Amino acid sequence: MSDVMSVLQNAYATAPLTPTNTKYTPVDPKSYQGTWTGTYSNNQKFEFTISNVNGFRAQVKYQSGSTVQYAQVLIGNSAFRVGDTKFVLTGSGQATVANAVTDPTTGNTSLVQGSGTLSS
């Protein structure tokens, strides 16, 4: 048991922390707030509901298929993440959404992307 613990301890001790270069500056709430809908490249539909945008913080509900996630996010460089999903504002009422999907059978991970539009 002590061998397992020493391996884990060494792994945590040697893993470097990667600094982020993200600039967090206040965003225009009207650019983000509302319901965003779209479809990924694998025809799976998604929906983001973004509310309470204040400065560079927001409340987000993400739904795709049976997956529903709630998060308080930080918006930096016109983007934020909810779990394995990244939302990037690309223009007025337009966004690109990317989701890392892991196949439960093989364990392989693939990236699906889609475009989202602001509907309200």
N, C-alpha and C. Protein backbone atom coordinates (compact mmCIF):
# COMPACT_ATOMS: atom_id res chain seq x y z
N MET A 1 0.83 -1.20 0.00
CA MET A 1 0.00 0.00 0.00
C MET A 1 0.87 1.26 0.00
N SER A 2 1.97 1.22 0.73
CA SER A 2 2.83 2.40 0.77
C SER A 2 3.45 2.68 -0.59
N ASP A 3 3.70 1.63 -1.41
CA ASP A 3 4.25 1.83 -2.75
C ASP A 3 3.27 2.59 -3.63
N VAL A 4 1.99 2.25 -3.54
CA VAL A 4 0.97 2.94 -4.32
C VAL A 4 0.90 4.40 -3.91
N MET A 5 0.93 4.65 -2.61
CA MET A 5 0.84 6.03 -2.12
C MET A 5 2.06 6.83 -2.55
N SER A 6 3.25 6.24 -2.54
CA SER A 6 4.44 6.99 -2.95
C SER A 6 4.41 7.30 -4.44
N VAL A 7 3.87 6.38 -5.26
CA VAL A 7 3.74 6.64 -6.69
C VAL A 7 2.79 7.80 -6.93
N LEU A 8 1.66 7.77 -6.25
CA LEU A 8 0.69 8.87 -6.39
C LEU A 8 1.29 10.19 -5.92
N GLN A 9 1.97 10.18 -4.80
CA GLN A 9 2.57 11.40 -4.26
C GLN A 9 3.60 11.97 -5.23
N ASN A 10 4.44 11.11 -5.79
CA ASN A 10 5.45 11.58 -6.75
C ASN A 10 4.82 12.13 -8.01
N ALA A 11 3.74 11.52 -8.47
CA ALA A 11 3.06 12.00 -9.67
C ALA A 11 2.50 13.40 -9.45
N TYR A 12 1.90 13.62 -8.28
CA TYR A 12 1.36 14.95 -8.00
C TYR A 12 2.47 15.97 -7.79
N ALA A 13 3.56 15.55 -7.19
CA ALA A 13 4.65 16.47 -6.90
C ALA A 13 5.36 16.92 -8.17
N THR A 14 5.42 16.06 -9.20
CA THR A 14 6.17 16.41 -10.40
C THR A 14 5.32 16.97 -11.53
N ALA A 15 4.01 16.93 -11.38
CA ALA A 15 3.14 17.45 -12.44
C ALA A 15 3.18 18.97 -12.42
N PRO A 16 3.67 19.59 -13.51
CA PRO A 16 3.75 21.05 -13.54
C PRO A 16 2.37 21.69 -13.75
N LEU A 17 2.20 22.84 -13.16
CA LEU A 17 0.98 23.61 -13.38
C LEU A 17 1.19 24.49 -14.60
N THR A 18 0.23 24.47 -15.50
CA THR A 18 0.33 25.26 -16.72
C THR A 18 -0.36 26.60 -16.50
N PRO A 19 0.40 27.69 -16.61
CA PRO A 19 -0.24 29.00 -16.42
C PRO A 19 -1.15 29.34 -17.59
N THR A 20 -2.17 30.12 -17.32
CA THR A 20 -3.10 30.51 -18.37
C THR A 20 -2.81 31.95 -18.81
N ASN A 21 -2.99 32.21 -20.08
CA ASN A 21 -2.79 33.55 -20.62
C ASN A 21 -4.12 34.23 -20.92
N THR A 22 -5.19 33.70 -20.37
CA THR A 22 -6.52 34.24 -20.64
C THR A 22 -6.68 35.59 -19.95
N LYS A 23 -7.16 36.56 -20.71
CA LYS A 23 -7.44 37.89 -20.17
C LYS A 23 -8.92 37.98 -19.82
N TYR A 24 -9.21 38.21 -18.57
CA TYR A 24 -10.59 38.35 -18.13
C TYR A 24 -10.93 39.83 -18.02
N THR A 25 -11.76 40.30 -18.95
CA THR A 25 -12.21 41.68 -18.95
C THR A 25 -13.73 41.68 -19.06
N PRO A 26 -14.38 42.71 -18.55
CA PRO A 26 -15.85 42.75 -18.64
C PRO A 26 -16.34 42.62 -20.08
N VAL A 27 -17.45 41.87 -20.24
CA VAL A 27 -18.04 41.66 -21.56
C VAL A 27 -19.41 42.33 -21.60
N ASP A 28 -19.93 42.51 -22.81
CA ASP A 28 -21.26 43.07 -22.99
C ASP A 28 -22.29 41.96 -22.72
N PRO A 29 -23.10 42.09 -21.67
CA PRO A 29 -24.07 41.04 -21.33
C PRO A 29 -25.01 40.71 -22.48
N LYS A 30 -25.38 41.70 -23.30
CA LYS A 30 -26.32 41.45 -24.41
C LYS A 30 -25.73 40.50 -25.45
N SER A 31 -24.40 40.44 -25.55
CA SER A 31 -23.76 39.57 -26.53
C SER A 31 -23.88 38.10 -26.15
N TYR A 32 -24.03 37.81 -24.86
CA TYR A 32 -24.02 36.42 -24.39
C TYR A 32 -25.37 35.94 -23.87
N GLN A 33 -26.12 36.80 -23.16
CA GLN A 33 -27.33 36.37 -22.47
C GLN A 33 -28.42 35.90 -23.42
N GLY A 34 -29.05 34.79 -23.01
CA GLY A 34 -30.15 34.24 -23.79
C GLY A 34 -29.97 32.76 -24.02
N THR A 35 -30.76 32.23 -24.93
CA THR A 35 -30.71 30.81 -25.27
C THR A 35 -30.03 30.63 -26.62
N TRP A 36 -29.01 29.80 -26.62
CA TRP A 36 -28.24 29.49 -27.83
C TRP A 36 -28.55 28.06 -28.23
N THR A 37 -28.86 27.84 -29.48
CA THR A 37 -29.15 26.49 -29.95
C THR A 37 -28.34 26.18 -31.20
N GLY A 38 -28.09 24.91 -31.41
CA GLY A 38 -27.35 24.49 -32.59
C GLY A 38 -27.27 22.99 -32.68
N THR A 39 -26.51 22.52 -33.67
CA THR A 39 -26.34 21.09 -33.92
C THR A 39 -24.87 20.80 -34.16
N TYR A 40 -24.37 19.75 -33.51
CA TYR A 40 -22.99 19.32 -33.72
C TYR A 40 -22.85 18.61 -35.07
N SER A 41 -21.62 18.37 -35.47
CA SER A 41 -21.34 17.68 -36.74
C SER A 41 -21.87 16.25 -36.77
N ASN A 42 -22.16 15.67 -35.60
CA ASN A 42 -22.74 14.32 -35.55
C ASN A 42 -24.26 14.35 -35.43
N ASN A 43 -24.87 15.49 -35.75
CA ASN A 43 -26.33 15.73 -35.73
C ASN A 43 -26.95 15.76 -34.34
N GLN A 44 -26.14 15.78 -33.28
CA GLN A 44 -26.65 15.91 -31.91
C GLN A 44 -26.94 17.39 -31.65
N LYS A 45 -28.12 17.67 -31.15
CA LYS A 45 -28.50 19.06 -30.86
C LYS A 45 -27.95 19.49 -29.50
N PHE A 46 -27.68 20.80 -29.35
CA PHE A 46 -27.24 21.33 -28.07
C PHE A 46 -27.95 22.64 -27.79
N GLU A 47 -27.94 23.01 -26.51
CA GLU A 47 -28.56 24.27 -26.09
C GLU A 47 -27.79 24.83 -24.90
N PHE A 48 -27.47 26.11 -24.96
CA PHE A 48 -26.88 26.84 -23.85
C PHE A 48 -27.89 27.89 -23.41
N THR A 49 -28.12 28.00 -22.12
CA THR A 49 -28.89 29.10 -21.58
C THR A 49 -27.94 29.90 -20.70
N ILE A 50 -27.66 31.13 -21.11
CA ILE A 50 -26.69 31.97 -20.41
C ILE A 50 -27.45 33.11 -19.74
N SER A 51 -27.20 33.28 -18.44
CA SER A 51 -27.90 34.33 -17.69
C SER A 51 -26.94 34.97 -16.69
N ASN A 52 -27.42 36.03 -16.08
CA ASN A 52 -26.69 36.74 -15.02
C ASN A 52 -25.26 37.09 -15.42
N VAL A 53 -25.08 37.59 -16.63
CA VAL A 53 -23.74 38.01 -17.06
C VAL A 53 -23.39 39.30 -16.33
N ASN A 54 -22.31 39.24 -15.58
CA ASN A 54 -21.87 40.39 -14.78
C ASN A 54 -20.35 40.45 -14.86
N GLY A 55 -19.83 41.50 -15.49
CA GLY A 55 -18.39 41.59 -15.70
C GLY A 55 -17.96 40.53 -16.68
N PHE A 56 -17.18 39.57 -16.21
CA PHE A 56 -16.77 38.45 -17.06
C PHE A 56 -17.27 37.11 -16.50
N ARG A 57 -18.27 37.17 -15.61
CA ARG A 57 -18.86 35.96 -15.03
C ARG A 57 -20.27 35.75 -15.56
N ALA A 58 -20.71 34.48 -15.61
CA ALA A 58 -22.06 34.18 -16.08
C ALA A 58 -22.52 32.85 -15.50
N GLN A 59 -23.84 32.68 -15.44
CA GLN A 59 -24.45 31.40 -15.07
C GLN A 59 -24.83 30.72 -16.38
N VAL A 60 -24.52 29.42 -16.50
CA VAL A 60 -24.77 28.70 -17.75
C VAL A 60 -25.42 27.36 -17.47
N LYS A 61 -26.43 27.05 -18.30
CA LYS A 61 -27.01 25.71 -18.33
C LYS A 61 -26.71 25.16 -19.72
N TYR A 62 -26.08 23.98 -19.77
CA TYR A 62 -25.76 23.33 -21.04
C TYR A 62 -26.56 22.05 -21.13
N GLN A 63 -27.19 21.81 -22.29
CA GLN A 63 -27.95 20.58 -22.49
C GLN A 63 -27.68 20.04 -23.88
N SER A 64 -27.39 18.73 -23.93
CA SER A 64 -27.22 18.04 -25.20
C SER A 64 -27.58 16.58 -24.95
N GLY A 65 -28.61 16.11 -25.64
CA GLY A 65 -29.08 14.74 -25.40
C GLY A 65 -29.56 14.62 -23.96
N SER A 66 -29.06 13.61 -23.25
CA SER A 66 -29.45 13.42 -21.85
C SER A 66 -28.53 14.14 -20.89
N THR A 67 -27.50 14.82 -21.40
CA THR A 67 -26.56 15.54 -20.56
C THR A 67 -27.08 16.93 -20.25
N VAL A 68 -27.14 17.25 -18.95
CA VAL A 68 -27.50 18.59 -18.49
C VAL A 68 -26.46 19.00 -17.47
N GLN A 69 -25.82 20.15 -17.69
CA GLN A 69 -24.82 20.65 -16.76
C GLN A 69 -25.09 22.11 -16.45
N TYR A 70 -24.87 22.47 -15.19
CA TYR A 70 -24.99 23.85 -14.73
C TYR A 70 -23.61 24.30 -14.26
N ALA A 71 -23.26 25.55 -14.57
CA ALA A 71 -21.95 26.04 -14.16
C ALA A 71 -21.95 27.56 -14.05
N GLN A 72 -21.10 28.04 -13.15
CA GLN A 72 -20.78 29.46 -13.14
C GLN A 72 -19.45 29.55 -13.87
N VAL A 73 -19.39 30.34 -14.94
CA VAL A 73 -18.21 30.36 -15.80
C VAL A 73 -17.54 31.73 -15.79
N LEU A 74 -16.28 31.72 -16.19
CA LEU A 74 -15.52 32.95 -16.42
C LEU A 74 -15.33 33.07 -17.92
N ILE A 75 -15.68 34.22 -18.47
CA ILE A 75 -15.57 34.45 -19.91
C ILE A 75 -14.25 35.16 -20.18
N GLY A 76 -13.40 34.52 -20.95
CA GLY A 76 -12.11 35.11 -21.30
C GLY A 76 -11.82 34.84 -22.76
N ASN A 77 -11.32 35.83 -23.47
CA ASN A 77 -11.03 35.71 -24.90
C ASN A 77 -12.27 35.26 -25.66
N SER A 78 -13.44 35.78 -25.28
CA SER A 78 -14.74 35.50 -25.90
C SER A 78 -15.16 34.04 -25.76
N ALA A 79 -14.61 33.31 -24.78
CA ALA A 79 -14.91 31.88 -24.65
C ALA A 79 -15.05 31.46 -23.19
N PHE A 80 -15.73 30.33 -22.99
CA PHE A 80 -15.80 29.70 -21.68
C PHE A 80 -16.01 28.20 -21.88
N ARG A 81 -15.80 27.44 -20.81
CA ARG A 81 -15.97 25.99 -20.84
C ARG A 81 -17.00 25.55 -19.81
N VAL A 82 -17.75 24.53 -20.19
CA VAL A 82 -18.65 23.82 -19.27
C VAL A 82 -18.32 22.35 -19.44
N GLY A 83 -17.65 21.76 -18.47
CA GLY A 83 -17.23 20.37 -18.58
C GLY A 83 -16.31 20.17 -19.77
N ASP A 84 -16.67 19.27 -20.67
CA ASP A 84 -15.86 18.97 -21.87
C ASP A 84 -16.27 19.81 -23.07
N THR A 85 -17.06 20.84 -22.85
CA THR A 85 -17.61 21.63 -23.94
C THR A 85 -17.09 23.07 -23.89
N LYS A 86 -16.67 23.58 -25.04
CA LYS A 86 -16.16 24.95 -25.12
C LYS A 86 -17.07 25.77 -26.02
N PHE A 87 -17.45 26.94 -25.55
CA PHE A 87 -18.30 27.90 -26.26
C PHE A 87 -17.44 29.09 -26.62
N VAL A 88 -17.43 29.48 -27.92
CA VAL A 88 -16.66 30.64 -28.37
C VAL A 88 -17.58 31.57 -29.14
N LEU A 89 -17.73 32.80 -28.66
CA LEU A 89 -18.52 33.81 -29.36
C LEU A 89 -17.74 34.25 -30.59
N THR A 90 -18.34 34.11 -31.78
CA THR A 90 -17.64 34.44 -33.02
C THR A 90 -18.16 35.69 -33.69
N GLY A 91 -19.32 36.15 -33.29
CA GLY A 91 -19.92 37.34 -33.88
C GLY A 91 -21.23 37.64 -33.19
N SER A 92 -21.93 38.63 -33.69
CA SER A 92 -23.21 39.00 -33.10
C SER A 92 -24.23 37.88 -33.28
N GLY A 93 -24.61 37.24 -32.19
CA GLY A 93 -25.58 36.16 -32.24
C GLY A 93 -25.06 34.86 -32.81
N GLN A 94 -23.74 34.73 -32.97
CA GLN A 94 -23.13 33.53 -33.54
C GLN A 94 -22.03 33.00 -32.62
N ALA A 95 -21.95 31.67 -32.51
CA ALA A 95 -20.93 31.04 -31.68
C ALA A 95 -20.51 29.71 -32.29
N THR A 96 -19.31 29.29 -31.94
CA THR A 96 -18.82 27.97 -32.29
C THR A 96 -18.75 27.17 -31.00
N VAL A 97 -19.23 25.93 -31.04
CA VAL A 97 -19.23 25.07 -29.86
C VAL A 97 -18.49 23.79 -30.21
N ALA A 98 -17.57 23.39 -29.33
CA ALA A 98 -16.81 22.15 -29.53
C ALA A 98 -16.99 21.28 -28.29
N ASN A 99 -17.15 19.98 -28.51
CA ASN A 99 -17.39 19.05 -27.41
C ASN A 99 -16.50 17.82 -27.59
N ALA A 100 -15.76 17.47 -26.54
CA ALA A 100 -14.95 16.26 -26.55
C ALA A 100 -15.83 15.10 -26.12
N VAL A 101 -15.99 14.11 -27.00
CA VAL A 101 -16.85 12.96 -26.75
C VAL A 101 -15.99 11.72 -26.61
N THR A 102 -16.18 10.99 -25.51
CA THR A 102 -15.44 9.75 -25.29
C THR A 102 -16.34 8.56 -25.56
N ASP A 103 -15.89 7.66 -26.43
CA ASP A 103 -16.63 6.43 -26.73
C ASP A 103 -16.51 5.50 -25.53
N PRO A 104 -17.63 5.11 -24.91
CA PRO A 104 -17.56 4.27 -23.71
C PRO A 104 -17.01 2.87 -23.99
N THR A 105 -17.11 2.41 -25.21
CA THR A 105 -16.63 1.07 -25.55
C THR A 105 -15.12 1.04 -25.75
N THR A 106 -14.62 1.97 -26.54
CA THR A 106 -13.19 1.95 -26.89
C THR A 106 -12.35 2.88 -26.02
N GLY A 107 -12.99 3.90 -25.43
CA GLY A 107 -12.25 4.89 -24.65
C GLY A 107 -11.63 5.97 -25.51
N ASN A 108 -11.84 5.90 -26.83
CA ASN A 108 -11.31 6.91 -27.74
C ASN A 108 -12.10 8.21 -27.61
N THR A 109 -11.38 9.32 -27.71
CA THR A 109 -12.01 10.63 -27.61
C THR A 109 -11.99 11.30 -28.97
N SER A 110 -13.12 11.90 -29.34
CA SER A 110 -13.19 12.65 -30.60
C SER A 110 -13.81 14.01 -30.32
N LEU A 111 -13.57 14.93 -31.23
CA LEU A 111 -14.07 16.28 -31.09
C LEU A 111 -15.19 16.51 -32.09
N VAL A 112 -16.37 16.93 -31.59
CA VAL A 112 -17.46 17.31 -32.48
C VAL A 112 -17.67 18.81 -32.34
N GLN A 113 -17.96 19.46 -33.44
CA GLN A 113 -18.13 20.90 -33.44
C GLN A 113 -19.46 21.27 -34.08
N GLY A 114 -19.94 22.45 -33.73
CA GLY A 114 -21.16 22.96 -34.31
C GLY A 114 -21.24 24.45 -34.17
N SER A 115 -22.21 25.03 -34.86
CA SER A 115 -22.46 26.46 -34.78
C SER A 115 -23.72 26.69 -33.98
N GLY A 116 -23.67 27.71 -33.15
CA GLY A 116 -24.84 28.06 -32.35
C GLY A 116 -25.34 29.44 -32.70
N THR A 117 -26.63 29.64 -32.57
CA THR A 117 -27.22 30.96 -32.80
C THR A 117 -28.04 31.37 -31.59
N LEU A 118 -28.04 32.64 -31.32
CA LEU A 118 -28.78 33.20 -30.20
C LEU A 118 -30.23 33.36 -30.62
N SER A 119 -31.14 32.71 -29.87
CA SER A 119 -32.54 32.75 -30.25
C SER A 119 -33.37 33.70 -29.38
N SER A 120 -32.85 34.04 -28.22
CA SER A 120 -33.60 35.01 -27.38
C SER A 120 -32.72 35.72 -26.43
